[in-house]
Amino acid sequence: MKILVVGANGQIGKHLVKLIQDSGNHMARAMIRKQEQAAYFKELGAENAVVNLEGEIADIAKAADGVDAIVFTAGSGPHTGKDKTLMVDLDGAVKTIEAAKMAGVDRFVMVSSFDTRREAIQAASSSFAPYVVAKHYADEWLRRANLDYTIVHPGALTNEAGTGCVEAASEVERGEIPREDVARVILGCLEDSSTIGKEFQIVSGGTTPIKEVLKKL
């Protein structure tokens, strides 16, 4: 399977590309914003596509040409303003979904926020609410896009080493999860067709390996 990772230069994205390349079964194409970001991915043997997510849908579709699946793990980051949240987390996600359709790529995995329901928007702080709103509508766009989607809602992200075990369900108690384990969950979803059409929250915990957890969703 060839997988386009949108937001590959982010922390989850880097973990995911490495996991894909180490799998021996798949190939990653890292979509990055700047050519100077390519060295890390070339070292892993991954393909690269330099595309600005704030550009045209056709540019993203070109990056998706010939791939079997797309993962959207891009994010504006915690230190950008509401404008970047709108342009990346909402518009960038929607354009990637439309690019998938243009390129004929049916499989799509979205890395969302922990809770993007309407109640979460109302409960969010004034600074965090725009991010939740962006994710809410991006998720809704994907649900209606007629793609083979999975939406992953991770808990608070950490840089701890992954354990390979998570708790996952439509709703779990809030908690943390290493970015490395989020990447493992994403790859697990791509390898397990039973996750198509599903969305779920994930946090660290338990002793059940990720692949087994996903089969029980």
N, C-alpha and C. Protein backbone atom coordinates (compact mmCIF):
# COMPACT_ATOMS: atom_id res chain seq x y z
N MET A 1 0.84 -1.19 0.00
CA MET A 1 0.00 0.00 0.00
C MET A 1 0.88 1.24 0.00
N LYS A 2 0.55 2.19 -0.87
CA LYS A 2 1.26 3.46 -0.88
C LYS A 2 0.37 4.50 -0.20
N ILE A 3 0.92 5.21 0.77
CA ILE A 3 0.14 6.08 1.65
C ILE A 3 0.68 7.51 1.60
N LEU A 4 -0.18 8.44 1.24
CA LEU A 4 0.18 9.86 1.29
C LEU A 4 -0.07 10.37 2.70
N VAL A 5 0.97 10.88 3.34
CA VAL A 5 0.86 11.44 4.69
C VAL A 5 0.87 12.96 4.58
N VAL A 6 -0.27 13.57 4.81
CA VAL A 6 -0.40 15.03 4.75
C VAL A 6 -0.09 15.57 6.15
N GLY A 7 0.87 16.48 6.22
CA GLY A 7 1.36 16.92 7.52
C GLY A 7 2.49 16.03 7.99
N ALA A 8 3.25 15.49 7.04
CA ALA A 8 4.29 14.51 7.37
C ALA A 8 5.39 15.08 8.25
N ASN A 9 5.63 16.38 8.17
CA ASN A 9 6.71 16.96 8.96
C ASN A 9 6.32 17.25 10.40
N GLY A 10 5.05 17.03 10.75
CA GLY A 10 4.63 17.13 12.14
C GLY A 10 5.11 15.92 12.93
N GLN A 11 4.93 15.97 14.23
CA GLN A 11 5.48 14.91 15.07
C GLN A 11 4.79 13.57 14.84
N ILE A 12 3.47 13.56 14.72
CA ILE A 12 2.77 12.32 14.42
C ILE A 12 3.15 11.86 13.01
N GLY A 13 3.20 12.80 12.10
CA GLY A 13 3.54 12.48 10.72
C GLY A 13 4.89 11.80 10.58
N LYS A 14 5.88 12.30 11.29
CA LYS A 14 7.21 11.69 11.22
C LYS A 14 7.21 10.28 11.78
N HIS A 15 6.52 10.09 12.90
CA HIS A 15 6.39 8.73 13.45
C HIS A 15 5.73 7.81 12.44
N LEU A 16 4.66 8.31 11.79
CA LEU A 16 3.89 7.48 10.88
C LEU A 16 4.71 7.09 9.66
N VAL A 17 5.40 8.04 9.07
CA VAL A 17 6.22 7.73 7.90
C VAL A 17 7.26 6.67 8.24
N LYS A 18 7.89 6.80 9.39
CA LYS A 18 8.89 5.81 9.80
C LYS A 18 8.25 4.43 9.98
N LEU A 19 7.08 4.38 10.62
CA LEU A 19 6.39 3.10 10.81
C LEU A 19 6.03 2.47 9.47
N ILE A 20 5.56 3.29 8.56
CA ILE A 20 5.19 2.78 7.23
C ILE A 20 6.41 2.20 6.54
N GLN A 21 7.50 2.94 6.57
CA GLN A 21 8.72 2.49 5.89
C GLN A 21 9.31 1.24 6.56
N ASP A 22 9.19 1.17 7.88
CA ASP A 22 9.73 0.01 8.61
C ASP A 22 8.85 -1.23 8.48
N SER A 23 7.62 -1.05 8.00
CA SER A 23 6.67 -2.17 7.95
C SER A 23 7.09 -3.24 6.96
N GLY A 24 7.80 -2.84 5.92
CA GLY A 24 8.19 -3.79 4.89
C GLY A 24 7.07 -4.10 3.91
N ASN A 25 5.86 -3.60 4.19
CA ASN A 25 4.71 -3.90 3.35
C ASN A 25 4.15 -2.68 2.63
N HIS A 26 4.54 -1.50 3.08
CA HIS A 26 3.94 -0.27 2.57
C HIS A 26 5.02 0.75 2.20
N MET A 27 4.59 1.78 1.48
CA MET A 27 5.47 2.88 1.09
C MET A 27 4.79 4.19 1.45
N ALA A 28 5.54 5.11 2.04
CA ALA A 28 5.00 6.42 2.38
C ALA A 28 5.41 7.45 1.34
N ARG A 29 4.48 8.36 1.09
CA ARG A 29 4.80 9.58 0.33
C ARG A 29 4.53 10.74 1.29
N ALA A 30 5.57 11.43 1.67
CA ALA A 30 5.46 12.51 2.65
C ALA A 30 5.12 13.82 1.96
N MET A 31 3.96 14.38 2.29
CA MET A 31 3.61 15.69 1.75
C MET A 31 4.11 16.75 2.72
N ILE A 32 5.03 17.57 2.26
CA ILE A 32 5.68 18.57 3.09
C ILE A 32 5.55 19.94 2.45
N ARG A 33 5.78 20.97 3.24
CA ARG A 33 5.58 22.34 2.77
C ARG A 33 6.83 22.95 2.15
N LYS A 34 8.01 22.49 2.62
CA LYS A 34 9.26 23.08 2.16
C LYS A 34 10.24 21.99 1.73
N GLN A 35 11.00 22.28 0.69
CA GLN A 35 11.96 21.31 0.18
C GLN A 35 13.01 20.95 1.23
N GLU A 36 13.35 21.91 2.09
CA GLU A 36 14.38 21.64 3.11
C GLU A 36 13.92 20.63 4.15
N GLN A 37 12.63 20.32 4.17
CA GLN A 37 12.12 19.30 5.10
C GLN A 37 12.27 17.89 4.55
N ALA A 38 12.73 17.76 3.31
CA ALA A 38 12.72 16.46 2.63
C ALA A 38 13.81 15.50 3.12
N ALA A 39 14.90 16.01 3.65
CA ALA A 39 16.06 15.16 3.96
C ALA A 39 15.69 14.01 4.91
N TYR A 40 14.91 14.31 5.94
CA TYR A 40 14.52 13.29 6.92
C TYR A 40 13.81 12.12 6.23
N PHE A 41 12.92 12.45 5.32
CA PHE A 41 12.11 11.42 4.67
C PHE A 41 12.90 10.65 3.61
N LYS A 42 13.80 11.35 2.93
CA LYS A 42 14.65 10.67 1.96
C LYS A 42 15.54 9.64 2.67
N GLU A 43 16.00 9.99 3.86
CA GLU A 43 16.82 9.07 4.64
C GLU A 43 16.06 7.79 4.97
N LEU A 44 14.75 7.91 5.14
CA LEU A 44 13.91 6.74 5.43
C LEU A 44 13.54 5.97 4.17
N GLY A 45 13.84 6.54 3.01
CA GLY A 45 13.48 5.90 1.75
C GLY A 45 12.08 6.22 1.28
N ALA A 46 11.45 7.21 1.92
CA ALA A 46 10.09 7.60 1.54
C ALA A 46 10.10 8.56 0.36
N GLU A 47 9.00 8.56 -0.38
CA GLU A 47 8.82 9.55 -1.43
C GLU A 47 8.44 10.90 -0.80
N ASN A 48 8.62 11.97 -1.57
CA ASN A 48 8.28 13.31 -1.09
C ASN A 48 7.41 14.03 -2.10
N ALA A 49 6.54 14.89 -1.60
CA ALA A 49 5.77 15.79 -2.45
C ALA A 49 5.73 17.13 -1.73
N VAL A 50 6.28 18.15 -2.36
CA VAL A 50 6.31 19.48 -1.75
C VAL A 50 5.07 20.24 -2.20
N VAL A 51 4.15 20.42 -1.27
CA VAL A 51 2.86 21.06 -1.58
C VAL A 51 2.46 21.93 -0.40
N ASN A 52 2.06 23.15 -0.68
CA ASN A 52 1.53 24.04 0.35
C ASN A 52 0.06 23.72 0.56
N LEU A 53 -0.32 23.33 1.76
CA LEU A 53 -1.69 22.95 2.06
C LEU A 53 -2.66 24.11 1.87
N GLU A 54 -2.13 25.34 1.84
CA GLU A 54 -2.97 26.50 1.61
C GLU A 54 -3.10 26.82 0.12
N GLY A 55 -2.57 25.93 -0.72
CA GLY A 55 -2.64 26.13 -2.16
C GLY A 55 -3.91 25.53 -2.77
N GLU A 56 -3.76 25.03 -3.99
CA GLU A 56 -4.92 24.56 -4.75
C GLU A 56 -5.20 23.07 -4.51
N ILE A 57 -6.47 22.70 -4.66
CA ILE A 57 -6.86 21.30 -4.54
C ILE A 57 -6.11 20.46 -5.56
N ALA A 58 -5.94 20.98 -6.76
CA ALA A 58 -5.27 20.22 -7.82
C ALA A 58 -3.84 19.87 -7.44
N ASP A 59 -3.18 20.73 -6.69
CA ASP A 59 -1.80 20.44 -6.26
C ASP A 59 -1.77 19.27 -5.28
N ILE A 60 -2.75 19.23 -4.38
CA ILE A 60 -2.83 18.11 -3.43
C ILE A 60 -3.20 16.83 -4.17
N ALA A 61 -4.12 16.94 -5.14
CA ALA A 61 -4.52 15.78 -5.93
C ALA A 61 -3.33 15.22 -6.69
N LYS A 62 -2.47 16.08 -7.20
CA LYS A 62 -1.27 15.61 -7.91
C LYS A 62 -0.36 14.84 -6.96
N ALA A 63 -0.25 15.32 -5.72
CA ALA A 63 0.57 14.61 -4.72
C ALA A 63 -0.03 13.26 -4.39
N ALA A 64 -1.35 13.13 -4.55
CA ALA A 64 -2.05 11.88 -4.23
C ALA A 64 -2.12 10.92 -5.40
N ASP A 65 -1.59 11.32 -6.53
CA ASP A 65 -1.67 10.46 -7.72
C ASP A 65 -0.98 9.13 -7.49
N GLY A 66 -1.71 8.04 -7.67
CA GLY A 66 -1.12 6.71 -7.57
C GLY A 66 -1.04 6.14 -6.17
N VAL A 67 -1.55 6.85 -5.16
CA VAL A 67 -1.52 6.29 -3.80
C VAL A 67 -2.80 5.51 -3.53
N ASP A 68 -2.75 4.68 -2.51
CA ASP A 68 -3.89 3.85 -2.14
C ASP A 68 -4.67 4.42 -0.97
N ALA A 69 -4.06 5.32 -0.21
CA ALA A 69 -4.70 5.87 0.98
C ALA A 69 -4.08 7.22 1.31
N ILE A 70 -4.87 8.04 1.99
CA ILE A 70 -4.40 9.35 2.44
C ILE A 70 -4.64 9.46 3.93
N VAL A 71 -3.65 9.98 4.64
CA VAL A 71 -3.79 10.29 6.06
C VAL A 71 -3.65 11.80 6.23
N PHE A 72 -4.63 12.42 6.87
CA PHE A 72 -4.53 13.85 7.17
C PHE A 72 -4.15 14.02 8.63
N THR A 73 -2.91 14.42 8.85
CA THR A 73 -2.44 14.64 10.21
C THR A 73 -1.81 16.02 10.36
N ALA A 74 -2.19 16.92 9.45
CA ALA A 74 -1.68 18.28 9.51
C ALA A 74 -2.41 19.07 10.58
N GLY A 75 -1.75 20.08 11.11
CA GLY A 75 -2.36 20.95 12.11
C GLY A 75 -1.64 22.28 12.14
N SER A 76 -2.38 23.31 12.49
CA SER A 76 -1.80 24.66 12.50
C SER A 76 -0.87 24.87 13.69
N GLY A 77 -0.99 24.02 14.72
CA GLY A 77 -0.13 24.17 15.89
C GLY A 77 -0.72 25.11 16.92
N PRO A 78 -0.25 24.99 18.16
CA PRO A 78 -0.86 25.74 19.27
C PRO A 78 -0.49 27.21 19.32
N HIS A 79 0.52 27.62 18.52
CA HIS A 79 1.00 28.99 18.65
C HIS A 79 0.60 29.87 17.46
N THR A 80 -0.27 29.37 16.61
CA THR A 80 -0.73 30.17 15.48
C THR A 80 -2.08 30.78 15.81
N GLY A 81 -2.48 31.74 14.99
CA GLY A 81 -3.75 32.43 15.23
C GLY A 81 -4.93 31.71 14.63
N LYS A 82 -6.10 32.31 14.81
CA LYS A 82 -7.33 31.72 14.30
C LYS A 82 -7.32 31.61 12.78
N ASP A 83 -6.56 32.52 12.12
CA ASP A 83 -6.52 32.47 10.66
C ASP A 83 -5.88 31.18 10.17
N LYS A 84 -4.78 30.77 10.79
CA LYS A 84 -4.12 29.53 10.39
C LYS A 84 -4.97 28.31 10.76
N THR A 85 -5.66 28.38 11.88
CA THR A 85 -6.56 27.29 12.25
C THR A 85 -7.61 27.10 11.16
N LEU A 86 -8.14 28.19 10.65
CA LEU A 86 -9.13 28.13 9.58
C LEU A 86 -8.52 27.59 8.29
N MET A 87 -7.34 28.07 7.94
CA MET A 87 -6.74 27.73 6.65
C MET A 87 -6.18 26.32 6.61
N VAL A 88 -5.71 25.80 7.73
CA VAL A 88 -5.09 24.48 7.75
C VAL A 88 -6.04 23.42 8.27
N ASP A 89 -6.54 23.61 9.49
CA ASP A 89 -7.33 22.56 10.13
C ASP A 89 -8.72 22.39 9.51
N LEU A 90 -9.24 23.43 8.91
CA LEU A 90 -10.54 23.31 8.23
C LEU A 90 -10.37 23.28 6.72
N ASP A 91 -9.92 24.38 6.14
CA ASP A 91 -9.84 24.45 4.68
C ASP A 91 -8.83 23.45 4.12
N GLY A 92 -7.71 23.29 4.80
CA GLY A 92 -6.72 22.32 4.33
C GLY A 92 -7.26 20.91 4.36
N ALA A 93 -8.01 20.58 5.40
CA ALA A 93 -8.60 19.24 5.51
C ALA A 93 -9.64 19.02 4.43
N VAL A 94 -10.51 20.01 4.23
CA VAL A 94 -11.56 19.88 3.21
C VAL A 94 -10.94 19.76 1.82
N LYS A 95 -9.92 20.55 1.55
CA LYS A 95 -9.27 20.47 0.23
C LYS A 95 -8.61 19.11 0.03
N THR A 96 -8.06 18.55 1.09
CA THR A 96 -7.45 17.23 0.97
C THR A 96 -8.50 16.16 0.69
N ILE A 97 -9.65 16.28 1.32
CA ILE A 97 -10.75 15.35 1.06
C ILE A 97 -11.19 15.47 -0.40
N GLU A 98 -11.34 16.69 -0.88
CA GLU A 98 -11.74 16.88 -2.27
C GLU A 98 -10.65 16.40 -3.23
N ALA A 99 -9.40 16.57 -2.84
CA ALA A 99 -8.28 16.08 -3.66
C ALA A 99 -8.28 14.56 -3.74
N ALA A 100 -8.66 13.92 -2.63
CA ALA A 100 -8.75 12.46 -2.64
C ALA A 100 -9.77 12.01 -3.68
N LYS A 101 -10.91 12.67 -3.71
CA LYS A 101 -11.94 12.32 -4.70
C LYS A 101 -11.45 12.59 -6.12
N MET A 102 -10.75 13.71 -6.30
CA MET A 102 -10.23 14.06 -7.62
C MET A 102 -9.21 13.02 -8.10
N ALA A 103 -8.41 12.51 -7.16
CA ALA A 103 -7.36 11.56 -7.50
C ALA A 103 -7.86 10.11 -7.50
N GLY A 104 -9.12 9.90 -7.11
CA GLY A 104 -9.66 8.55 -7.08
C GLY A 104 -9.14 7.70 -5.94
N VAL A 105 -8.82 8.35 -4.82
CA VAL A 105 -8.32 7.64 -3.64
C VAL A 105 -9.47 7.51 -2.64
N ASP A 106 -9.92 6.31 -2.39
CA ASP A 106 -11.08 6.11 -1.53
C ASP A 106 -10.76 6.06 -0.04
N ARG A 107 -9.59 5.53 0.31
CA ARG A 107 -9.26 5.32 1.74
C ARG A 107 -8.69 6.59 2.34
N PHE A 108 -9.27 7.02 3.47
CA PHE A 108 -8.89 8.30 4.07
C PHE A 108 -8.95 8.17 5.59
N VAL A 109 -7.86 8.48 6.25
CA VAL A 109 -7.82 8.50 7.71
C VAL A 109 -7.59 9.93 8.18
N MET A 110 -8.48 10.41 9.02
CA MET A 110 -8.40 11.76 9.57
C MET A 110 -7.95 11.71 11.02
N VAL A 111 -6.91 12.48 11.35
CA VAL A 111 -6.53 12.66 12.75
C VAL A 111 -7.23 13.94 13.23
N SER A 112 -8.18 13.78 14.11
CA SER A 112 -9.01 14.89 14.55
C SER A 112 -8.61 15.32 15.96
N SER A 113 -9.51 16.01 16.63
CA SER A 113 -9.32 16.38 18.02
C SER A 113 -10.11 15.40 18.88
N PHE A 114 -9.83 15.36 20.18
CA PHE A 114 -10.42 14.35 21.06
C PHE A 114 -11.94 14.35 21.01
N ASP A 115 -12.53 15.53 21.02
CA ASP A 115 -14.00 15.63 21.01
C ASP A 115 -14.39 16.80 20.12
N THR A 116 -15.07 16.51 19.02
CA THR A 116 -15.45 17.57 18.10
C THR A 116 -16.97 17.71 17.98
N ARG A 117 -17.67 17.17 18.97
CA ARG A 117 -19.12 17.30 18.95
C ARG A 117 -19.53 18.74 19.31
N ARG A 118 -20.75 19.08 18.98
CA ARG A 118 -21.25 20.43 19.24
C ARG A 118 -21.10 20.81 20.70
N GLU A 119 -21.32 19.85 21.60
CA GLU A 119 -21.19 20.14 23.04
C GLU A 119 -19.76 20.54 23.40
N ALA A 120 -18.79 19.95 22.70
CA ALA A 120 -17.39 20.27 22.98
C ALA A 120 -17.05 21.69 22.55
N ILE A 121 -17.68 22.13 21.47
CA ILE A 121 -17.47 23.52 21.03
C ILE A 121 -17.98 24.48 22.10
N GLN A 122 -19.17 24.20 22.60
CA GLN A 122 -19.77 25.09 23.60
C GLN A 122 -18.97 25.09 24.90
N ALA A 123 -18.33 23.96 25.21
CA ALA A 123 -17.60 23.84 26.46
C ALA A 123 -16.16 24.35 26.37
N ALA A 124 -15.66 24.55 25.14
CA ALA A 124 -14.26 24.94 24.96
C ALA A 124 -14.01 26.38 25.38
N SER A 125 -12.78 26.65 25.77
CA SER A 125 -12.38 28.03 26.10
C SER A 125 -12.40 28.87 24.82
N SER A 126 -12.42 30.18 24.98
CA SER A 126 -12.50 31.06 23.82
C SER A 126 -11.29 30.90 22.90
N SER A 127 -10.15 30.55 23.47
CA SER A 127 -8.95 30.38 22.64
C SER A 127 -8.92 29.05 21.92
N PHE A 128 -9.56 28.02 22.51
CA PHE A 128 -9.53 26.68 21.93
C PHE A 128 -10.72 26.40 21.02
N ALA A 129 -11.81 27.13 21.22
CA ALA A 129 -13.05 26.88 20.47
C ALA A 129 -12.86 26.93 18.95
N PRO A 130 -12.09 27.90 18.40
CA PRO A 130 -11.94 27.91 16.94
C PRO A 130 -11.32 26.63 16.39
N TYR A 131 -10.41 26.04 17.14
CA TYR A 131 -9.79 24.77 16.72
C TYR A 131 -10.83 23.66 16.71
N VAL A 132 -11.65 23.59 17.75
CA VAL A 132 -12.67 22.55 17.83
C VAL A 132 -13.70 22.74 16.71
N VAL A 133 -14.06 23.98 16.44
CA VAL A 133 -14.99 24.28 15.34
C VAL A 133 -14.42 23.79 14.01
N ALA A 134 -13.15 24.11 13.77
CA ALA A 134 -12.51 23.69 12.52
C ALA A 134 -12.53 22.18 12.37
N LYS A 135 -12.18 21.48 13.43
CA LYS A 135 -12.16 20.02 13.39
C LYS A 135 -13.58 19.45 13.25
N HIS A 136 -14.53 20.09 13.91
CA HIS A 136 -15.93 19.64 13.83
C HIS A 136 -16.41 19.61 12.38
N TYR A 137 -16.19 20.71 11.67
CA TYR A 137 -16.70 20.79 10.30
C TYR A 137 -15.85 19.98 9.32
N ALA A 138 -14.56 19.85 9.58
CA ALA A 138 -13.73 18.98 8.74
C ALA A 138 -14.17 17.53 8.86
N ASP A 139 -14.45 17.11 10.09
CA ASP A 139 -14.94 15.74 10.31
C ASP A 139 -16.28 15.54 9.60
N GLU A 140 -17.15 16.52 9.71
CA GLU A 140 -18.48 16.39 9.10
C GLU A 140 -18.36 16.32 7.57
N TRP A 141 -17.45 17.09 7.02
CA TRP A 141 -17.24 17.06 5.57
C TRP A 141 -16.79 15.66 5.14
N LEU A 142 -15.90 15.06 5.91
CA LEU A 142 -15.41 13.73 5.58
C LEU A 142 -16.52 12.68 5.67
N ARG A 143 -17.35 12.79 6.69
CA ARG A 143 -18.45 11.83 6.83
C ARG A 143 -19.38 11.83 5.62
N ARG A 144 -19.49 12.98 4.97
CA ARG A 144 -20.42 13.12 3.85
C ARG A 144 -19.75 12.98 2.49
N ALA A 145 -18.46 12.63 2.49
CA ALA A 145 -17.68 12.65 1.24
C ALA A 145 -17.74 11.36 0.45
N ASN A 146 -18.42 10.36 0.96
CA ASN A 146 -18.53 9.07 0.25
C ASN A 146 -17.16 8.42 0.05
N LEU A 147 -16.30 8.55 1.05
CA LEU A 147 -14.99 7.90 1.03
C LEU A 147 -14.97 6.80 2.10
N ASP A 148 -14.00 5.92 1.99
CA ASP A 148 -13.80 4.87 3.01
C ASP A 148 -12.99 5.48 4.16
N TYR A 149 -13.67 6.18 5.03
CA TYR A 149 -12.97 7.00 6.03
C TYR A 149 -12.88 6.29 7.38
N THR A 150 -11.88 6.75 8.15
CA THR A 150 -11.80 6.49 9.58
C THR A 150 -11.39 7.80 10.22
N ILE A 151 -12.04 8.16 11.33
CA ILE A 151 -11.68 9.38 12.06
C ILE A 151 -11.15 8.98 13.43
N VAL A 152 -9.93 9.39 13.71
CA VAL A 152 -9.25 9.07 14.98
C VAL A 152 -9.24 10.31 15.86
N HIS A 153 -9.74 10.17 17.09
CA HIS A 153 -9.82 11.28 18.04
C HIS A 153 -8.85 11.01 19.21
N PRO A 154 -7.60 11.46 19.11
CA PRO A 154 -6.64 11.17 20.18
C PRO A 154 -6.80 12.10 21.38
N GLY A 155 -6.41 11.57 22.55
CA GLY A 155 -6.38 12.38 23.75
C GLY A 155 -5.22 13.37 23.71
N ALA A 156 -4.88 13.93 24.86
CA ALA A 156 -3.80 14.91 24.93
C ALA A 156 -2.48 14.26 24.49
N LEU A 157 -1.82 14.87 23.54
CA LEU A 157 -0.64 14.26 22.93
C LEU A 157 0.62 14.50 23.76
N THR A 158 1.44 13.46 23.88
CA THR A 158 2.71 13.57 24.59
C THR A 158 3.84 13.03 23.71
N ASN A 159 5.05 13.29 24.13
CA ASN A 159 6.22 12.79 23.41
C ASN A 159 6.86 11.60 24.12
N GLU A 160 6.11 10.99 25.04
CA GLU A 160 6.60 9.78 25.69
C GLU A 160 6.72 8.65 24.67
N ALA A 161 7.54 7.67 24.98
CA ALA A 161 7.64 6.50 24.11
C ALA A 161 6.31 5.75 24.11
N GLY A 162 5.91 5.28 22.95
CA GLY A 162 4.66 4.54 22.86
C GLY A 162 4.75 3.19 23.54
N THR A 163 3.62 2.69 23.97
CA THR A 163 3.56 1.38 24.63
C THR A 163 3.00 0.30 23.71
N GLY A 164 2.32 0.73 22.63
CA GLY A 164 1.69 -0.23 21.74
C GLY A 164 0.34 -0.71 22.23
N CYS A 165 -0.12 -0.17 23.36
CA CYS A 165 -1.43 -0.54 23.91
C CYS A 165 -2.25 0.73 24.15
N VAL A 166 -3.53 0.69 23.79
CA VAL A 166 -4.38 1.86 23.98
C VAL A 166 -5.77 1.42 24.42
N GLU A 167 -6.54 2.40 24.89
CA GLU A 167 -7.96 2.22 25.08
C GLU A 167 -8.65 2.98 23.96
N ALA A 168 -9.62 2.35 23.31
CA ALA A 168 -10.30 2.97 22.19
C ALA A 168 -11.78 2.60 22.22
N ALA A 169 -12.62 3.60 21.98
CA ALA A 169 -14.06 3.39 21.91
C ALA A 169 -14.68 4.67 21.37
N SER A 170 -15.96 4.63 21.10
CA SER A 170 -16.63 5.84 20.62
C SER A 170 -16.51 6.96 21.64
N GLU A 171 -16.42 6.57 22.92
CA GLU A 171 -16.21 7.56 23.98
C GLU A 171 -15.41 6.91 25.10
N VAL A 172 -14.28 7.53 25.46
CA VAL A 172 -13.46 7.06 26.57
C VAL A 172 -13.17 8.24 27.49
N GLU A 173 -12.73 7.94 28.68
CA GLU A 173 -12.37 9.00 29.63
C GLU A 173 -11.15 9.75 29.11
N ARG A 174 -11.16 11.06 29.28
CA ARG A 174 -10.04 11.88 28.80
C ARG A 174 -8.73 11.40 29.41
N GLY A 175 -7.68 11.48 28.61
CA GLY A 175 -6.37 11.08 29.07
C GLY A 175 -5.32 11.46 28.04
N GLU A 176 -4.12 10.99 28.26
CA GLU A 176 -3.01 11.30 27.36
C GLU A 176 -2.70 10.12 26.46
N ILE A 177 -1.95 10.39 25.41
CA ILE A 177 -1.49 9.33 24.53
C ILE A 177 -0.23 9.79 23.81
N PRO A 178 0.81 8.95 23.76
CA PRO A 178 2.01 9.33 23.02
C PRO A 178 1.73 9.45 21.52
N ARG A 179 2.36 10.40 20.90
CA ARG A 179 2.20 10.57 19.44
C ARG A 179 2.60 9.31 18.69
N GLU A 180 3.59 8.61 19.21
CA GLU A 180 4.03 7.38 18.57
C GLU A 180 2.89 6.36 18.51
N ASP A 181 2.11 6.27 19.58
CA ASP A 181 0.99 5.32 19.58
C ASP A 181 -0.14 5.78 18.67
N VAL A 182 -0.33 7.08 18.53
CA VAL A 182 -1.32 7.58 17.57
C VAL A 182 -0.93 7.13 16.17
N ALA A 183 0.35 7.25 15.85
CA ALA A 183 0.83 6.81 14.54
C ALA A 183 0.59 5.31 14.35
N ARG A 184 0.81 4.53 15.40
CA ARG A 184 0.57 3.09 15.31
C ARG A 184 -0.91 2.79 15.07
N VAL A 185 -1.77 3.56 15.71
CA VAL A 185 -3.21 3.38 15.51
C VAL A 185 -3.57 3.70 14.05
N ILE A 186 -3.02 4.76 13.52
CA ILE A 186 -3.31 5.14 12.13
C ILE A 186 -2.93 4.01 11.18
N LEU A 187 -1.72 3.50 11.32
CA LEU A 187 -1.28 2.41 10.45
C LEU A 187 -2.15 1.18 10.66
N GLY A 188 -2.52 0.92 11.91
CA GLY A 188 -3.40 -0.20 12.19
C GLY A 188 -4.74 -0.06 11.48
N CYS A 189 -5.27 1.16 11.45
CA CYS A 189 -6.53 1.40 10.75
C CYS A 189 -6.39 1.13 9.25
N LEU A 190 -5.29 1.55 8.68
CA LEU A 190 -5.07 1.34 7.25
C LEU A 190 -4.95 -0.14 6.92
N GLU A 191 -4.47 -0.92 7.86
CA GLU A 191 -4.28 -2.36 7.63
C GLU A 191 -5.52 -3.18 8.00
N ASP A 192 -6.53 -2.54 8.57
CA ASP A 192 -7.72 -3.26 9.04
C ASP A 192 -8.96 -2.62 8.43
N SER A 193 -9.53 -3.26 7.43
CA SER A 193 -10.68 -2.69 6.73
C SER A 193 -11.92 -2.60 7.62
N SER A 194 -11.92 -3.29 8.76
CA SER A 194 -13.09 -3.21 9.65
C SER A 194 -13.22 -1.84 10.29
N THR A 195 -12.18 -1.00 10.21
CA THR A 195 -12.24 0.34 10.78
C THR A 195 -12.86 1.35 9.82
N ILE A 196 -13.15 0.93 8.61
CA ILE A 196 -13.76 1.84 7.63
C ILE A 196 -15.15 2.24 8.11
N GLY A 197 -15.42 3.55 8.03
CA GLY A 197 -16.72 4.07 8.45
C GLY A 197 -16.84 4.27 9.94
N LYS A 198 -15.74 4.14 10.66
CA LYS A 198 -15.79 4.26 12.11
C LYS A 198 -14.99 5.48 12.58
N GLU A 199 -15.34 5.97 13.76
CA GLU A 199 -14.55 7.00 14.44
C GLU A 199 -14.55 6.69 15.92
N PHE A 200 -13.45 7.04 16.56
CA PHE A 200 -13.29 6.63 17.95
C PHE A 200 -12.25 7.49 18.64
N GLN A 201 -12.36 7.55 19.97
CA GLN A 201 -11.38 8.24 20.80
C GLN A 201 -10.33 7.23 21.26
N ILE A 202 -9.10 7.70 21.43
CA ILE A 202 -8.03 6.83 21.92
C ILE A 202 -7.21 7.54 22.99
N VAL A 203 -6.86 6.79 24.02
CA VAL A 203 -5.95 7.26 25.07
C VAL A 203 -5.07 6.07 25.46
N SER A 204 -4.01 6.36 26.18
CA SER A 204 -3.15 5.29 26.68
C SER A 204 -3.89 4.46 27.72
N GLY A 205 -3.49 3.22 27.85
CA GLY A 205 -4.06 2.40 28.90
C GLY A 205 -4.28 0.98 28.46
N GLY A 206 -4.49 0.13 29.43
CA GLY A 206 -4.78 -1.26 29.13
C GLY A 206 -3.54 -2.05 28.75
N THR A 207 -3.77 -3.30 28.44
CA THR A 207 -2.67 -4.19 28.06
C THR A 207 -2.94 -4.86 26.72
N THR A 208 -3.98 -4.41 26.04
CA THR A 208 -4.34 -5.03 24.76
C THR A 208 -3.61 -4.33 23.62
N PRO A 209 -2.90 -5.07 22.78
CA PRO A 209 -2.21 -4.47 21.64
C PRO A 209 -3.17 -3.73 20.70
N ILE A 210 -2.64 -2.71 20.05
CA ILE A 210 -3.46 -1.84 19.22
C ILE A 210 -4.25 -2.61 18.17
N LYS A 211 -3.64 -3.54 17.49
CA LYS A 211 -4.34 -4.27 16.43
C LYS A 211 -5.56 -5.02 16.98
N GLU A 212 -5.44 -5.56 18.17
CA GLU A 212 -6.58 -6.26 18.76
C GLU A 212 -7.66 -5.29 19.20
N VAL A 213 -7.25 -4.14 19.72
CA VAL A 213 -8.22 -3.11 20.12
C VAL A 213 -9.05 -2.66 18.93
N LEU A 214 -8.38 -2.45 17.80
CA LEU A 214 -9.09 -1.96 16.61
C LEU A 214 -10.10 -2.98 16.10
N LYS A 215 -9.80 -4.25 16.23
CA LYS A 215 -10.72 -5.28 15.75
C LYS A 215 -12.00 -5.32 16.58
N LYS A 216 -11.94 -4.80 17.81
CA LYS A 216 -13.09 -4.86 18.70
C LYS A 216 -13.99 -3.64 18.62
N LEU A 217 -13.60 -2.66 17.82
CA LEU A 217 -14.38 -1.42 17.73
C LEU A 217 -15.75 -1.66 17.09
